[in-house]
Amino acid sequence: MDDRVRNKLLIAIGFADRIATTLKRAKTQEGFIQDYDLQYSVVHSISQIAENLAQVLQIEPGLSDQILKFVPYRSIRRMRDKIQHHYGTIDPDIVWGIASQNVPELKLTLEEFLSADERQSETK
């Protein structure tokens, strides 16, 4: 795997960790919805995850089958597009759903992908 790809995936995982930390601070969906700063932090992190994954696919388009087949990436990418183009219409309930459900799934997938690549590299 290209080092640039590995670094972008690690950055995406780092932002997923930041989201998890932020959601712990919110404690509940209601707490999240009432705290604009927490919402902003999560929205920014979702945008960064999507952007880094988009860059991965630009560097290695062949990875699209392995990354794009996961529903969480599509949800996160759609949220990033909405953030960039229609920020005032972002629904905090949808952000909570993506952050609490899709992002952890995507993080696990990316970690498994990196681990599989490491194991494959060791056998070469």
Protein backbone atom coordinates (compact mmCIF):
# COMPACT_ATOMS: atom_id res chain seq x y z
CA MET A 1 0.00 0.00 0.00
CA ASP A 2 1.22 3.46 -0.88
CA ASP A 3 2.44 5.35 2.22
CA ARG A 4 0.23 8.31 1.29
CA VAL A 5 -2.81 6.04 1.35
CA ARG A 6 -1.82 4.55 4.69
CA ASN A 7 -1.35 8.05 6.16
CA LYS A 8 -4.73 9.27 4.86
CA LEU A 9 -6.44 6.21 6.34
CA LEU A 10 -4.72 6.77 9.68
CA ILE A 11 -5.82 10.41 9.63
CA ALA A 12 -9.41 9.30 8.97
CA ILE A 13 -9.20 6.87 11.89
CA GLY A 14 -7.86 9.67 14.08
CA PHE A 15 -10.87 11.84 13.24
CA ALA A 16 -13.16 8.89 14.01
CA ASP A 17 -11.51 8.70 17.43
CA ARG A 18 -12.12 12.42 17.94
CA ILE A 19 -15.79 11.89 17.14
CA ALA A 20 -16.01 9.08 19.70
CA THR A 21 -14.43 11.33 22.34
CA THR A 22 -16.81 14.17 21.50
CA LEU A 23 -19.86 11.90 21.72
CA LYS A 24 -18.71 10.73 25.14
CA ARG A 25 -18.64 14.36 26.26
CA ALA A 26 -22.20 14.82 24.96
CA LYS A 27 -23.29 11.67 26.85
CA THR A 28 -26.67 11.52 25.08
CA GLN A 29 -28.20 12.50 21.78
CA GLU A 30 -30.09 15.26 23.57
CA GLY A 31 -26.87 16.56 25.10
CA PHE A 32 -25.32 16.58 21.64
CA ILE A 33 -28.24 18.42 20.08
CA GLN A 34 -28.12 21.10 22.77
CA ASP A 35 -24.39 21.78 22.38
CA TYR A 36 -23.47 23.60 19.18
CA ASP A 37 -19.73 23.32 19.87
CA LEU A 38 -19.95 19.53 20.04
CA GLN A 39 -22.00 19.49 16.85
CA TYR A 40 -19.43 21.67 15.09
CA SER A 41 -16.59 19.43 16.21
CA VAL A 42 -18.32 16.30 14.94
CA VAL A 43 -19.39 17.89 11.65
CA HIS A 44 -15.83 19.07 11.03
CA SER A 45 -14.44 15.62 11.80
CA ILE A 46 -16.95 13.91 9.49
CA SER A 47 -15.95 16.30 6.73
CA GLN A 48 -12.27 15.52 7.30
CA ILE A 49 -12.89 11.77 7.23
CA ALA A 50 -14.72 12.08 3.93
CA GLU A 51 -12.07 14.34 2.45
CA ASN A 52 -9.21 12.01 3.42
CA LEU A 53 -11.03 9.00 2.00
CA ALA A 54 -11.73 10.89 -1.22
CA GLN A 55 -7.99 11.61 -1.47
CA VAL A 56 -7.25 7.92 -0.91
CA LEU A 57 -9.44 7.08 -3.88
CA GLN A 58 -7.67 9.70 -5.99
CA ILE A 59 -4.27 8.21 -5.11
CA GLU A 60 -5.37 4.60 -5.58
CA PRO A 61 -8.63 4.37 -7.55
CA GLY A 62 -8.37 0.58 -7.36
CA LEU A 63 -9.31 0.73 -3.70
CA SER A 64 -12.79 2.02 -4.54
CA ASP A 65 -14.24 -1.51 -4.60
CA GLN A 66 -12.90 -2.14 -1.12
CA ILE A 67 -13.91 1.22 0.40
CA LEU A 68 -16.99 2.32 -1.54
CA LYS A 69 -18.87 -0.92 -0.93
CA PHE A 70 -19.34 0.12 2.69
CA VAL A 71 -22.54 2.03 3.39
CA PRO A 72 -20.96 4.15 6.15
CA TYR A 73 -18.58 5.77 3.67
CA ARG A 74 -21.46 6.81 1.43
CA SER A 75 -23.36 8.34 4.37
CA ILE A 76 -20.28 10.17 5.52
CA ARG A 77 -19.51 11.41 2.02
CA ARG A 78 -23.08 12.70 1.58
CA MET A 79 -22.80 14.50 4.92
CA ARG A 80 -19.51 16.08 3.81
CA ASP A 81 -21.16 17.34 0.62
CA LYS A 82 -24.03 18.79 2.60
CA ILE A 83 -21.59 20.46 5.00
CA GLN A 84 -19.72 22.07 2.13
CA HIS A 85 -22.75 23.25 0.20
CA HIS A 86 -25.71 23.59 2.57
CA TYR A 87 -24.27 24.06 6.05
CA GLY A 88 -27.33 25.83 7.46
CA THR A 89 -29.58 22.87 6.74
CA ILE A 90 -27.68 20.19 8.63
CA ASP A 91 -29.93 18.21 10.95
CA PRO A 92 -28.16 17.43 14.27
CA ASP A 93 -30.18 14.20 14.60
CA ILE A 94 -28.74 12.97 11.30
CA VAL A 95 -25.24 14.03 12.36
CA TRP A 96 -25.71 12.10 15.62
CA GLY A 97 -26.80 9.00 13.69
CA ILE A 98 -23.84 9.12 11.34
CA ALA A 99 -21.41 9.88 14.17
CA SER A 100 -22.74 7.23 16.56
CA GLN A 101 -23.44 4.44 14.05
CA ASN A 102 -21.71 4.91 10.71
CA VAL A 103 -18.40 6.37 11.86
CA PRO A 104 -17.60 3.51 14.30
CA GLU A 105 -18.43 0.98 11.55
CA LEU A 106 -16.20 2.80 9.10
CA LYS A 107 -13.38 3.08 11.64
CA LEU A 108 -13.50 -0.66 12.27
CA THR A 109 -13.49 -1.33 8.54
CA LEU A 110 -10.49 0.92 7.99
CA GLU A 111 -8.59 -0.67 10.87
CA GLU A 112 -9.32 -4.14 9.49
CA PHE A 113 -8.26 -3.02 6.03
CA LEU A 114 -4.94 -1.69 7.36
CA SER A 115 -4.36 -4.84 9.41
CA ALA A 116 -5.04 -7.07 6.40
CA ASP A 117 -2.64 -5.01 4.32
CA GLU A 118 0.04 -5.31 7.00
CA ARG A 119 -0.40 -9.09 7.15
CA GLN A 120 -0.22 -9.29 3.36
CA SER A 121 2.95 -7.16 3.32
CA GLU A 122 4.58 -9.45 5.91
CA THR A 123 4.04 -12.52 3.73
CA LYS A 124 5.69 -10.97 0.66
